[in-house]
């Protein structure tokens, strides 16, 4: 249906995933199997579900995968807030990645709206 590699929203998802990997390198080791794992999994889920949806046959199916991707973006936002509350992320880095997350949320919603027209 769509070539996901050409989509700006997918590319931004990849950038967010890379940012999360870099951010979590400084987290305490005891968070490896809890918060770090959760952050990485939901960050990766954003572009992965966009890509999977693009491989489906209908706009309705794509929209369902975009919903999953959007849910992962909101989950990521929550986990970043928790990480910041525990002082695992510096405020400037938190604000930078949170801005990216808000942008991709808007992009996913916009993409969904374009499918419905």
PDB file of N, CA and C in Angstrom:
ATOM      1  N   UNK A   1       0.813  -1.193   0.000  1.00  0.00           N
ATOM      2  CA  UNK A   1       0.000   0.000   0.000  1.00  0.00           C
ATOM      3  C   UNK A   1       0.864   1.267   0.000  1.00  0.00           C
ATOM      4  N   UNK A   2       1.700   1.438   1.014  1.00  0.00           N
ATOM      5  CA  UNK A   2       2.609   2.573   1.106  1.00  0.00           C
ATOM      6  C   UNK A   2       4.032   2.052   1.278  1.00  0.00           C
ATOM      7  N   UNK A   3       4.985   2.764   0.728  1.00  0.00           N
ATOM      8  CA  UNK A   3       6.388   2.439   0.982  1.00  0.00           C
ATOM      9  C   UNK A   3       6.764   3.140   2.280  1.00  0.00           C
ATOM     10  N   UNK A   4       6.791   2.397   3.376  1.00  0.00           N
ATOM     11  CA  UNK A   4       7.000   2.992   4.688  1.00  0.00           C
ATOM     12  C   UNK A   4       8.327   3.725   4.806  1.00  0.00           C
ATOM     13  N   UNK A   5       9.345   3.294   4.072  1.00  0.00           N
ATOM     14  CA  UNK A   5      10.669   3.934   4.168  1.00  0.00           C
ATOM     15  C   UNK A   5      10.673   5.362   3.659  1.00  0.00           C
ATOM     16  N   UNK A   6       9.665   5.717   2.889  1.00  0.00           N
ATOM     17  CA  UNK A   6       9.572   7.084   2.373  1.00  0.00           C
ATOM     18  C   UNK A   6       8.723   7.993   3.249  1.00  0.00           C
ATOM     19  N   UNK A   7       8.067   7.443   4.258  1.00  0.00           N
ATOM     20  CA  UNK A   7       7.171   8.229   5.105  1.00  0.00           C
ATOM     21  C   UNK A   7       7.951   8.998   6.175  1.00  0.00           C
ATOM     22  N   UNK A   8       7.666  10.291   6.280  1.00  0.00           N
ATOM     23  CA  UNK A   8       8.316  11.119   7.306  1.00  0.00           C
ATOM     24  C   UNK A   8       8.000  10.617   8.709  1.00  0.00           C
ATOM     25  N   UNK A   9       6.774  10.142   8.909  1.00  0.00           N
ATOM     26  CA  UNK A   9       6.369   9.666  10.232  1.00  0.00           C
ATOM     27  C   UNK A   9       7.172   8.425  10.630  1.00  0.00           C
ATOM     28  N   UNK A  10       7.446   7.539   9.694  1.00  0.00           N
ATOM     29  CA  UNK A  10       8.255   6.358   9.980  1.00  0.00           C
ATOM     30  C   UNK A  10       9.699   6.765  10.286  1.00  0.00           C
ATOM     31  N   UNK A  11      10.227   7.689   9.487  1.00  0.00           N
ATOM     32  CA  UNK A  11      11.599   8.170   9.705  1.00  0.00           C
ATOM     33  C   UNK A  11      11.740   8.807  11.080  1.00  0.00           C
ATOM     34  N   UNK A  12      10.724   9.579  11.492  1.00  0.00           N
ATOM     35  CA  UNK A  12      10.772  10.185  12.819  1.00  0.00           C
ATOM     36  C   UNK A  12      10.722   9.103  13.894  1.00  0.00           C
ATOM     37  N   UNK A  13       9.951   8.054  13.668  1.00  0.00           N
ATOM     38  CA  UNK A  13       9.905   6.941  14.611  1.00  0.00           C
ATOM     39  C   UNK A  13      11.260   6.288  14.791  1.00  0.00           C
ATOM     40  N   UNK A  14      11.988   6.155  13.712  1.00  0.00           N
ATOM     41  CA  UNK A  14      13.351   5.605  13.779  1.00  0.00           C
ATOM     42  C   UNK A  14      14.247   6.537  14.597  1.00  0.00           C
ATOM     43  N   UNK A  15      14.142   7.831  14.368  1.00  0.00           N
ATOM     44  CA  UNK A  15      14.950   8.806  15.117  1.00  0.00           C
ATOM     45  C   UNK A  15      14.628   8.768  16.612  1.00  0.00           C
ATOM     46  N   UNK A  16      13.360   8.655  16.936  1.00  0.00           N
ATOM     47  CA  UNK A  16      12.967   8.563  18.339  1.00  0.00           C
ATOM     48  C   UNK A  16      13.532   7.287  18.958  1.00  0.00           C
ATOM     49  N   UNK A  17      13.466   6.188  18.234  1.00  0.00           N
ATOM     50  CA  UNK A  17      14.020   4.923  18.737  1.00  0.00           C
ATOM     51  C   UNK A  17      15.512   5.068  19.029  1.00  0.00           C
ATOM     52  N   UNK A  18      16.230   5.689  18.116  1.00  0.00           N
ATOM     53  CA  UNK A  18      17.665   5.909  18.331  1.00  0.00           C
ATOM     54  C   UNK A  18      17.904   6.788  19.552  1.00  0.00           C
ATOM     55  N   UNK A  19      17.104   7.828  19.698  1.00  0.00           N
ATOM     56  CA  UNK A  19      17.242   8.731  20.848  1.00  0.00           C
ATOM     57  C   UNK A  19      17.003   7.990  22.158  1.00  0.00           C
ATOM     58  N   UNK A  20      16.014   7.118  22.180  1.00  0.00           N
ATOM     59  CA  UNK A  20      15.710   6.357  23.393  1.00  0.00           C
ATOM     60  C   UNK A  20      16.861   5.411  23.725  1.00  0.00           C
ATOM     61  N   UNK A  21      17.421   4.747  22.717  1.00  0.00           N
ATOM     62  CA  UNK A  21      18.564   3.871  22.960  1.00  0.00           C
ATOM     63  C   UNK A  21      19.709   4.662  23.597  1.00  0.00           C
ATOM     64  N   UNK A  22      19.982   5.839  23.072  1.00  0.00           N
ATOM     65  CA  UNK A  22      21.074   6.663  23.597  1.00  0.00           C
ATOM     66  C   UNK A  22      20.759   7.143  25.012  1.00  0.00           C
ATOM     67  N   UNK A  23      19.532   7.613  25.223  1.00  0.00           N
ATOM     68  CA  UNK A  23      19.131   8.095  26.550  1.00  0.00           C
ATOM     69  C   UNK A  23      19.256   7.024  27.619  1.00  0.00           C
ATOM     70  N   UNK A  24      18.830   5.822  27.306  1.00  0.00           N
ATOM     71  CA  UNK A  24      18.792   4.773  28.322  1.00  0.00           C
ATOM     72  C   UNK A  24      20.170   4.220  28.669  1.00  0.00           C
ATOM     73  N   UNK A  25      21.170   4.567  27.909  1.00  0.00           N
ATOM     74  CA  UNK A  25      22.534   4.118  28.230  1.00  0.00           C
ATOM     75  C   UNK A  25      23.013   4.669  29.571  1.00  0.00           C
ATOM     76  N   UNK A  26      22.447   5.792  29.995  1.00  0.00           N
ATOM     77  CA  UNK A  26      22.886   6.423  31.238  1.00  0.00           C
ATOM     78  C   UNK A  26      22.017   6.029  32.437  1.00  0.00           C
ATOM     79  N   UNK A  27      21.007   5.222  32.220  1.00  0.00           N
ATOM     80  CA  UNK A  27      20.126   4.798  33.307  1.00  0.00           C
ATOM     81  C   UNK A  27      20.876   3.840  34.239  1.00  0.00           C
ATOM     82  N   UNK A  28      20.434   3.745  35.479  1.00  0.00           N
ATOM     83  CA  UNK A  28      21.060   2.787  36.400  1.00  0.00           C
ATOM     84  C   UNK A  28      20.898   1.349  35.899  1.00  0.00           C
ATOM     85  N   UNK A  29      21.877   0.525  36.167  1.00  0.00           N
ATOM     86  CA  UNK A  29      21.878  -0.862  35.697  1.00  0.00           C
ATOM     87  C   UNK A  29      20.654  -1.638  36.185  1.00  0.00           C
ATOM     88  N   UNK A  30      20.164  -1.313  37.366  1.00  0.00           N
ATOM     89  CA  UNK A  30      19.014  -2.058  37.896  1.00  0.00           C
ATOM     90  C   UNK A  30      17.732  -1.816  37.104  1.00  0.00           C
ATOM     91  N   UNK A  31      17.732  -0.824  36.221  1.00  0.00           N
ATOM     92  CA  UNK A  31      16.562  -0.549  35.377  1.00  0.00           C
ATOM     93  C   UNK A  31      16.601  -1.309  34.051  1.00  0.00           C
ATOM     94  N   UNK A  32      17.660  -2.091  33.821  1.00  0.00           N
ATOM     95  CA  UNK A  32      17.843  -2.775  32.539  1.00  0.00           C
ATOM     96  C   UNK A  32      16.643  -3.624  32.133  1.00  0.00           C
ATOM     97  N   UNK A  33      16.072  -4.359  33.069  1.00  0.00           N
ATOM     98  CA  UNK A  33      14.984  -5.267  32.733  1.00  0.00           C
ATOM     99  C   UNK A  33      13.607  -4.700  33.070  1.00  0.00           C
ATOM    100  N   UNK A  34      13.571  -3.450  33.465  1.00  0.00           N
ATOM    101  CA  UNK A  34      12.268  -2.849  33.758  1.00  0.00           C
ATOM    102  C   UNK A  34      12.057  -1.614  32.895  1.00  0.00           C
ATOM    103  N   UNK A  35      12.414  -0.456  33.391  1.00  0.00           N
ATOM    104  CA  UNK A  35      12.107   0.779  32.674  1.00  0.00           C
ATOM    105  C   UNK A  35      12.849   0.878  31.334  1.00  0.00           C
ATOM    106  N   UNK A  36      14.103   0.515  31.297  1.00  0.00           N
ATOM    107  CA  UNK A  36      14.855   0.571  30.031  1.00  0.00           C
ATOM    108  C   UNK A  36      14.197  -0.329  28.992  1.00  0.00           C
ATOM    109  N   UNK A  37      13.886  -1.539  29.400  1.00  0.00           N
ATOM    110  CA  UNK A  37      13.255  -2.496  28.489  1.00  0.00           C
ATOM    111  C   UNK A  37      11.927  -1.954  27.966  1.00  0.00           C
ATOM    112  N   UNK A  38      11.110  -1.392  28.849  1.00  0.00           N
ATOM    113  CA  UNK A  38       9.818  -0.833  28.454  1.00  0.00           C
ATOM    114  C   UNK A  38       9.993   0.336  27.475  1.00  0.00           C
ATOM    115  N   UNK A  39      10.904   1.235  27.791  1.00  0.00           N
ATOM    116  CA  UNK A  39      11.151   2.390  26.922  1.00  0.00           C
ATOM    117  C   UNK A  39      11.577   1.957  25.523  1.00  0.00           C
ATOM    118  N   UNK A  40      12.515   1.049  25.467  1.00  0.00           N
ATOM    119  CA  UNK A  40      13.041   0.599  24.175  1.00  0.00           C
ATOM    120  C   UNK A  40      11.958  -0.126  23.382  1.00  0.00           C
ATOM    121  N   UNK A  41      11.206  -1.002  24.040  1.00  0.00           N
ATOM    122  CA  UNK A  41      10.176  -1.756  23.325  1.00  0.00           C
ATOM    123  C   UNK A  41       9.088  -0.850  22.760  1.00  0.00           C
ATOM    124  N   UNK A  42       8.622   0.111  23.534  1.00  0.00           N
ATOM    125  CA  UNK A  42       7.549   0.936  22.981  1.00  0.00           C
ATOM    126  C   UNK A  42       8.092   1.919  21.944  1.00  0.00           C
ATOM    127  N   UNK A  43       9.338   2.376  22.090  1.00  0.00           N
ATOM    128  CA  UNK A  43       9.923   3.251  21.066  1.00  0.00           C
ATOM    129  C   UNK A  43      10.040   2.502  19.738  1.00  0.00           C
ATOM    130  N   UNK A  44      10.506   1.276  19.791  1.00  0.00           N
ATOM    131  CA  UNK A  44      10.642   0.461  18.583  1.00  0.00           C
ATOM    132  C   UNK A  44       9.279   0.138  17.983  1.00  0.00           C
ATOM    133  N   UNK A  45       8.284   0.012  18.841  1.00  0.00           N
ATOM    134  CA  UNK A  45       6.935  -0.316  18.386  1.00  0.00           C
ATOM    135  C   UNK A  45       6.340   0.764  17.482  1.00  0.00           C
ATOM    136  N   UNK A  46       6.739   2.000  17.681  1.00  0.00           N
ATOM    137  CA  UNK A  46       6.158   3.099  16.894  1.00  0.00           C
ATOM    138  C   UNK A  46       6.448   2.914  15.397  1.00  0.00           C
ATOM    139  N   UNK A  47       7.702   2.901  14.963  1.00  0.00           N
ATOM    140  CA  UNK A  47       7.941   2.733  13.523  1.00  0.00           C
ATOM    141  C   UNK A  47       7.619   1.318  13.033  1.00  0.00           C
ATOM    142  N   UNK A  48       7.748   0.327  13.911  1.00  0.00           N
ATOM    143  CA  UNK A  48       7.461  -1.050  13.500  1.00  0.00           C
ATOM    144  C   UNK A  48       6.004  -1.228  13.108  1.00  0.00           C
ATOM    145  N   UNK A  49       5.102  -0.658  13.879  1.00  0.00           N
ATOM    146  CA  UNK A  49       3.680  -0.784  13.558  1.00  0.00           C
ATOM    147  C   UNK A  49       3.296   0.054  12.346  1.00  0.00           C
ATOM    148  N   UNK A  50       3.963   1.166  12.147  1.00  0.00           N
ATOM    149  CA  UNK A  50       3.734   1.948  10.926  1.00  0.00           C
ATOM    150  C   UNK A  50       4.133   1.102   9.715  1.00  0.00           C
ATOM    151  N   UNK A  51       5.301   0.478   9.798  1.00  0.00           N
ATOM    152  CA  UNK A  51       5.780  -0.362   8.694  1.00  0.00           C
ATOM    153  C   UNK A  51       4.848  -1.543   8.452  1.00  0.00           C
ATOM    154  N   UNK A  52       4.440  -2.206   9.525  1.00  0.00           N
ATOM    155  CA  UNK A  52       3.559  -3.361   9.362  1.00  0.00           C
ATOM    156  C   UNK A  52       2.228  -2.948   8.744  1.00  0.00           C
ATOM    157  N   UNK A  53       1.688  -1.831   9.189  1.00  0.00           N
ATOM    158  CA  UNK A  53       0.430  -1.347   8.632  1.00  0.00           C
ATOM    159  C   UNK A  53       0.532  -1.024   7.159  1.00  0.00           C
ATOM    160  N   UNK A  54       1.686  -0.507   6.753  1.00  0.00           N
ATOM    161  CA  UNK A  54       1.886  -0.172   5.334  1.00  0.00           C
ATOM    162  C   UNK A  54       1.910  -1.418   4.455  1.00  0.00           C
ATOM    163  N   UNK A  55       2.187  -2.552   5.043  1.00  0.00           N
ATOM    164  CA  UNK A  55       2.204  -3.798   4.289  1.00  0.00           C
ATOM    165  C   UNK A  55       0.835  -4.455   4.171  1.00  0.00           C
ATOM    166  N   UNK A  56      -0.146  -3.868   4.788  1.00  0.00           N
ATOM    167  CA  UNK A  56      -1.493  -4.435   4.744  1.00  0.00           C
ATOM    168  C   UNK A  56      -2.227  -3.986   3.489  1.00  0.00           C
ATOM    169  N   UNK A  57      -3.348  -4.646   3.218  1.00  0.00           N
ATOM    170  CA  UNK A  57      -4.043  -4.438   1.948  1.00  0.00           C
ATOM    171  C   UNK A  57      -5.014  -3.272   1.937  1.00  0.00           C
ATOM    172  N   UNK A  58      -5.458  -2.826   3.106  1.00  0.00           N
ATOM    173  CA  UNK A  58      -6.475  -1.782   3.101  1.00  0.00           C
ATOM    174  C   UNK A  58      -6.103  -0.626   4.013  1.00  0.00           C
ATOM    175  N   UNK A  59      -6.730   0.502   3.760  1.00  0.00           N
ATOM    176  CA  UNK A  59      -6.533   1.686   4.595  1.00  0.00           C
ATOM    177  C   UNK A  59      -7.044   1.428   6.008  1.00  0.00           C
ATOM    178  N   UNK A  60      -8.089   0.617   6.127  1.00  0.00           N
ATOM    179  CA  UNK A  60      -8.636   0.292   7.447  1.00  0.00           C
ATOM    180  C   UNK A  60      -7.611  -0.475   8.277  1.00  0.00           C
ATOM    181  N   UNK A  61      -6.943  -1.438   7.647  1.00  0.00           N
ATOM    182  CA  UNK A  61      -5.914  -2.197   8.357  1.00  0.00           C
ATOM    183  C   UNK A  61      -4.738  -1.305   8.736  1.00  0.00           C
ATOM    184  N   UNK A  62      -4.323  -0.450   7.812  1.00  0.00           N
ATOM    185  CA  UNK A  62      -3.248   0.490   8.105  1.00  0.00           C
ATOM    186  C   UNK A  62      -3.627   1.370   9.287  1.00  0.00           C
ATOM    187  N   UNK A  63      -4.846   1.853   9.298  1.00  0.00           N
ATOM    188  CA  UNK A  63      -5.316   2.709  10.386  1.00  0.00           C
ATOM    189  C   UNK A  63      -5.259   1.986  11.730  1.00  0.00           C
ATOM    190  N   UNK A  64      -5.566   0.693  11.738  1.00  0.00           N
ATOM    191  CA  UNK A  64      -5.495  -0.086  12.980  1.00  0.00           C
ATOM    192  C   UNK A  64      -4.058  -0.133  13.510  1.00  0.00           C
ATOM    193  N   UNK A  65      -3.101  -0.313  12.608  1.00  0.00           N
ATOM    194  CA  UNK A  65      -1.704  -0.348  13.031  1.00  0.00           C
ATOM    195  C   UNK A  65      -1.209   1.041  13.438  1.00  0.00           C
ATOM    196  N   UNK A  66      -1.751   2.064  12.820  1.00  0.00           N
ATOM    197  CA  UNK A  66      -1.422   3.423  13.248  1.00  0.00           C
ATOM    198  C   UNK A  66      -1.956   3.681  14.657  1.00  0.00           C
ATOM    199  N   UNK A  67      -3.113   3.112  14.975  1.00  0.00           N
ATOM    200  CA  UNK A  67      -3.649   3.216  16.340  1.00  0.00           C
ATOM    201  C   UNK A  67      -2.702   2.577  17.348  1.00  0.00           C
ATOM    202  N   UNK A  68      -2.168   1.436  17.004  1.00  0.00           N
ATOM    203  CA  UNK A  68      -1.218   0.757  17.889  1.00  0.00           C
ATOM    204  C   UNK A  68       0.039   1.613  18.045  1.00  0.00           C
ATOM    205  N   UNK A  69       0.515   2.160  16.944  1.00  0.00           N
ATOM    206  CA  UNK A  69       1.689   3.021  16.965  1.00  0.00           C
ATOM    207  C   UNK A  69       1.444   4.250  17.839  1.00  0.00           C
ATOM    208  N   UNK A  70       0.273   4.843  17.703  1.00  0.00           N
ATOM    209  CA  UNK A  70      -0.076   6.015  18.505  1.00  0.00           C
ATOM    210  C   UNK A  70      -0.127   5.645  19.990  1.00  0.00           C
ATOM    211  N   UNK A  71      -0.707   4.502  20.290  1.00  0.00           N
ATOM    212  CA  UNK A  71      -0.731   4.038  21.680  1.00  0.00           C
ATOM    213  C   UNK A  71       0.670   3.877  22.240  1.00  0.00           C
ATOM    214  N   UNK A  72       1.572   3.347  21.436  1.00  0.00           N
ATOM    215  CA  UNK A  72       2.965   3.195  21.864  1.00  0.00           C
ATOM    216  C   UNK A  72       3.620   4.551  22.100  1.00  0.00           C
ATOM    217  N   UNK A  73       3.263   5.536  21.293  1.00  0.00           N
ATOM    218  CA  UNK A  73       3.818   6.886  21.473  1.00  0.00           C
ATOM    219  C   UNK A  73       3.355   7.491  22.794  1.00  0.00           C
ATOM    220  N   UNK A  74       2.102   7.269  23.152  1.00  0.00           N
ATOM    221  CA  UNK A  74       1.603   7.774  24.432  1.00  0.00           C
ATOM    222  C   UNK A  74       2.206   6.989  25.597  1.00  0.00           C
ATOM    223  N   UNK A  75       2.403   5.704  25.398  1.00  0.00           N
ATOM    224  CA  UNK A  75       3.075   4.889  26.416  1.00  0.00           C
ATOM    225  C   UNK A  75       4.503   5.387  26.621  1.00  0.00           C
ATOM    226  N   UNK A  76       5.200   5.671  25.524  1.00  0.00           N
ATOM    227  CA  UNK A  76       6.556   6.187  25.601  1.00  0.00           C
ATOM    228  C   UNK A  76       6.582   7.517  26.344  1.00  0.00           C
ATOM    229  N   UNK A  77       5.630   8.386  26.052  1.00  0.00           N
ATOM    230  CA  UNK A  77       5.565   9.679  26.747  1.00  0.00           C
ATOM    231  C   UNK A  77       5.461   9.463  28.259  1.00  0.00           C
ATOM    232  N   UNK A  78       4.604   8.554  28.670  1.00  0.00           N
ATOM    233  CA  UNK A  78       4.423   8.276  30.094  1.00  0.00           C
ATOM    234  C   UNK A  78       5.706   7.751  30.729  1.00  0.00           C
ATOM    235  N   UNK A  79       6.365   6.847  30.051  1.00  0.00           N
ATOM    236  CA  UNK A  79       7.604   6.274  30.588  1.00  0.00           C
ATOM    237  C   UNK A  79       8.725   7.301  30.649  1.00  0.00           C
ATOM    238  N   UNK A  80       8.745   8.219  29.707  1.00  0.00           N
ATOM    239  CA  UNK A  80       9.737   9.300  29.752  1.00  0.00           C
ATOM    240  C   UNK A  80       9.473  10.221  30.941  1.00  0.00           C
ATOM    241  N   UNK A  81       8.206  10.501  31.205  1.00  0.00           N
ATOM    242  CA  UNK A  81       7.854  11.332  32.362  1.00  0.00           C
ATOM    243  C   UNK A  81       8.307  10.643  33.652  1.00  0.00           C
ATOM    244  N   UNK A  82       8.053   9.350  33.759  1.00  0.00           N
ATOM    245  CA  UNK A  82       8.491   8.596  34.939  1.00  0.00           C
ATOM    246  C   UNK A  82      10.010   8.654  35.063  1.00  0.00           C
ATOM    247  N   UNK A  83      10.709   8.472  33.951  1.00  0.00           N
ATOM    248  CA  UNK A  83      12.176   8.521  33.956  1.00  0.00           C
ATOM    249  C   UNK A  83      12.687   9.875  34.407  1.00  0.00           C
ATOM    250  N   UNK A  84      12.020  10.906  33.987  1.00  0.00           N
ATOM    251  CA  UNK A  84      12.411  12.258  34.390  1.00  0.00           C
ATOM    252  C   UNK A  84      12.132  12.474  35.880  1.00  0.00           C
ATOM    253  N   UNK A  85      11.009  11.966  36.354  1.00  0.00           N
ATOM    254  CA  UNK A  85      10.659  12.082  37.777  1.00  0.00           C
ATOM    255  C   UNK A  85      11.724  11.420  38.663  1.00  0.00           C
ATOM    256  N   UNK A  86      12.296  10.319  38.188  1.00  0.00           N
ATOM    257  CA  UNK A  86      13.349   9.632  38.921  1.00  0.00           C
ATOM    258  C   UNK A  86      14.734  10.229  38.646  1.00  0.00           C
ATOM    259  N   UNK A  87      14.760  11.294  37.859  1.00  0.00           N
ATOM    260  CA  UNK A  87      16.005  12.011  37.534  1.00  0.00           C
ATOM    261  C   UNK A  87      16.978  11.160  36.720  1.00  0.00           C
ATOM    262  N   UNK A  88      16.428  10.221  35.927  1.00  0.00           N
ATOM    263  CA  UNK A  88      17.264   9.421  35.043  1.00  0.00           C
ATOM    264  C   UNK A  88      17.576  10.174  33.754  1.00  0.00           C
ATOM    265  N   UNK A  89      16.797  11.214  33.459  1.00  0.00           N
ATOM    266  CA  UNK A  89      16.981  12.013  32.255  1.00  0.00           C
ATOM    267  C   UNK A  89      17.114  13.473  32.663  1.00  0.00           C
ATOM    268  N   UNK A  90      18.098  14.159  32.110  1.00  0.00           N
ATOM    269  CA  UNK A  90      18.249  15.598  32.347  1.00  0.00           C
ATOM    270  C   UNK A  90      17.061  16.331  31.731  1.00  0.00           C
ATOM    271  N   UNK A  91      16.665  17.422  32.335  1.00  0.00           N
ATOM    272  CA  UNK A  91      15.483  18.161  31.902  1.00  0.00           C
ATOM    273  C   UNK A  91      15.563  18.590  30.434  1.00  0.00           C
ATOM    274  N   UNK A  92      16.710  19.070  29.981  1.00  0.00           N
ATOM    275  CA  UNK A  92      16.824  19.520  28.583  1.00  0.00           C
ATOM    276  C   UNK A  92      16.675  18.347  27.612  1.00  0.00           C
ATOM    277  N   UNK A  93      17.256  17.210  27.950  1.00  0.00           N
ATOM    278  CA  UNK A  93      17.118  16.024  27.098  1.00  0.00           C
ATOM    279  C   UNK A  93      15.680  15.526  27.115  1.00  0.00           C
ATOM    280  N   UNK A  94      15.064  15.578  28.287  1.00  0.00           N
ATOM    281  CA  UNK A  94      13.667  15.174  28.409  1.00  0.00           C
ATOM    282  C   UNK A  94      12.778  16.046  27.520  1.00  0.00           C
ATOM    283  N   UNK A  95      12.956  17.342  27.597  1.00  0.00           N
ATOM    284  CA  UNK A  95      12.136  18.257  26.799  1.00  0.00           C
ATOM    285  C   UNK A  95      12.346  18.042  25.308  1.00  0.00           C
ATOM    286  N   UNK A  96      13.574  17.763  24.906  1.00  0.00           N
ATOM    287  CA  UNK A  96      13.882  17.536  23.497  1.00  0.00           C
ATOM    288  C   UNK A  96      13.177  16.288  22.969  1.00  0.00           C
ATOM    289  N   UNK A  97      13.293  15.182  23.686  1.00  0.00           N
ATOM    290  CA  UNK A  97      12.669  13.948  23.195  1.00  0.00           C
ATOM    291  C   UNK A  97      11.159  14.009  23.344  1.00  0.00           C
ATOM    292  N   UNK A  98      10.670  14.680  24.383  1.00  0.00           N
ATOM    293  CA  UNK A  98       9.225  14.816  24.546  1.00  0.00           C
ATOM    294  C   UNK A  98       8.632  15.614  23.389  1.00  0.00           C
ATOM    295  N   UNK A  99       9.360  16.603  22.925  1.00  0.00           N
ATOM    296  CA  UNK A  99       8.926  17.374  21.763  1.00  0.00           C
ATOM    297  C   UNK A  99       8.823  16.473  20.528  1.00  0.00           C
ATOM    298  N   UNK A 100       9.784  15.587  20.349  1.00  0.00           N
ATOM    299  CA  UNK A 100       9.757  14.633  19.235  1.00  0.00           C
ATOM    300  C   UNK A 100       8.554  13.700  19.356  1.00  0.00           C
ATOM    301  N   UNK A 101       8.285  13.246  20.564  1.00  0.00           N
ATOM    302  CA  UNK A 101       7.164  12.332  20.784  1.00  0.00           C
ATOM    303  C   UNK A 101       5.844  13.044  20.480  1.00  0.00           C
ATOM    304  N   UNK A 102       5.710  14.282  20.923  1.00  0.00           N
ATOM    305  CA  UNK A 102       4.486  15.040  20.634  1.00  0.00           C
ATOM    306  C   UNK A 102       4.327  15.243  19.123  1.00  0.00           C
ATOM    307  N   UNK A 103       5.424  15.501  18.454  1.00  0.00           N
ATOM    308  CA  UNK A 103       5.372  15.695  17.006  1.00  0.00           C
ATOM    309  C   UNK A 103       4.927  14.423  16.294  1.00  0.00           C
ATOM    310  N   UNK A 104       5.459  13.271  16.696  1.00  0.00           N
ATOM    311  CA  UNK A 104       5.061  12.034  16.010  1.00  0.00           C
ATOM    312  C   UNK A 104       3.615  11.683  16.326  1.00  0.00           C
ATOM    313  N   UNK A 105       3.158  12.003  17.516  1.00  0.00           N
ATOM    314  CA  UNK A 105       1.744  11.774  17.839  1.00  0.00           C
ATOM    315  C   UNK A 105       0.858  12.559  16.865  1.00  0.00           C
ATOM    316  N   UNK A 106       1.206  13.816  16.639  1.00  0.00           N
ATOM    317  CA  UNK A 106       0.450  14.645  15.693  1.00  0.00           C
ATOM    318  C   UNK A 106       0.536  14.092  14.272  1.00  0.00           C
ATOM    319  N   UNK A 107       1.723  13.626  13.897  1.00  0.00           N
ATOM    320  CA  UNK A 107       1.912  13.084  12.556  1.00  0.00           C
ATOM    321  C   UNK A 107       1.086  11.819  12.338  1.00  0.00           C
ATOM    322  N   UNK A 108       1.043  10.957  13.335  1.00  0.00           N
ATOM    323  CA  UNK A 108       0.268   9.719  13.211  1.00  0.00           C
ATOM    324  C   UNK A 108      -1.213  10.053  13.084  1.00  0.00           C
ATOM    325  N   UNK A 109      -1.694  10.971  13.906  1.00  0.00           N
ATOM    326  CA  UNK A 109      -3.099  11.384  13.832  1.00  0.00           C
ATOM    327  C   UNK A 109      -3.400  11.992  12.471  1.00  0.00           C
ATOM    328  N   UNK A 110      -2.502  12.818  11.958  1.00  0.00           N
ATOM    329  CA  UNK A 110      -2.680  13.411  10.631  1.00  0.00           C
ATOM    330  C   UNK A 110      -2.703  12.366   9.535  1.00  0.00           C
ATOM    331  N   UNK A 111      -1.831  11.369   9.649  1.00  0.00           N
ATOM    332  CA  UNK A 111      -1.790  10.284   8.673  1.00  0.00           C
ATOM    333  C   UNK A 111      -3.117   9.520   8.693  1.00  0.00           C
ATOM    334  N   UNK A 112      -3.613   9.247   9.885  1.00  0.00           N
ATOM    335  CA  UNK A 112      -4.906   8.550  10.011  1.00  0.00           C
ATOM    336  C   UNK A 112      -6.030   9.365   9.354  1.00  0.00           C
ATOM    337  N   UNK A 113      -6.028  10.661   9.602  1.00  0.00           N
ATOM    338  CA  UNK A 113      -7.067  11.516   9.008  1.00  0.00           C
ATOM    339  C   UNK A 113      -6.987  11.499   7.494  1.00  0.00           C
ATOM    340  N   UNK A 114      -5.769  11.474   6.945  1.00  0.00           N
ATOM    341  CA  UNK A 114      -5.619  11.453   5.496  1.00  0.00           C
ATOM    342  C   UNK A 114      -6.139  10.152   4.888  1.00  0.00           C
ATOM    343  N   UNK A 115      -6.110   9.087   5.663  1.00  0.00           N
ATOM    344  CA  UNK A 115      -6.633   7.803   5.176  1.00  0.00           C
ATOM    345  C   UNK A 115      -8.152   7.807   5.119  1.00  0.00           C
ATOM    346  N   UNK A 116      -8.770   8.597   5.965  1.00  0.00           N
ATOM    347  CA  UNK A 116     -10.220   8.625   6.061  1.00  0.00           C
ATOM    348  C   UNK A 116     -10.881   9.577   5.058  1.00  0.00           C
ATOM    349  N   UNK A 117     -10.050  10.322   4.321  1.00  0.00           N
ATOM    350  CA  UNK A 117     -10.624  11.259   3.348  1.00  0.00           C
ATOM    351  C   UNK A 117     -10.604  10.701   1.954  1.00  0.00           C
TER     352      UNK A 117
END
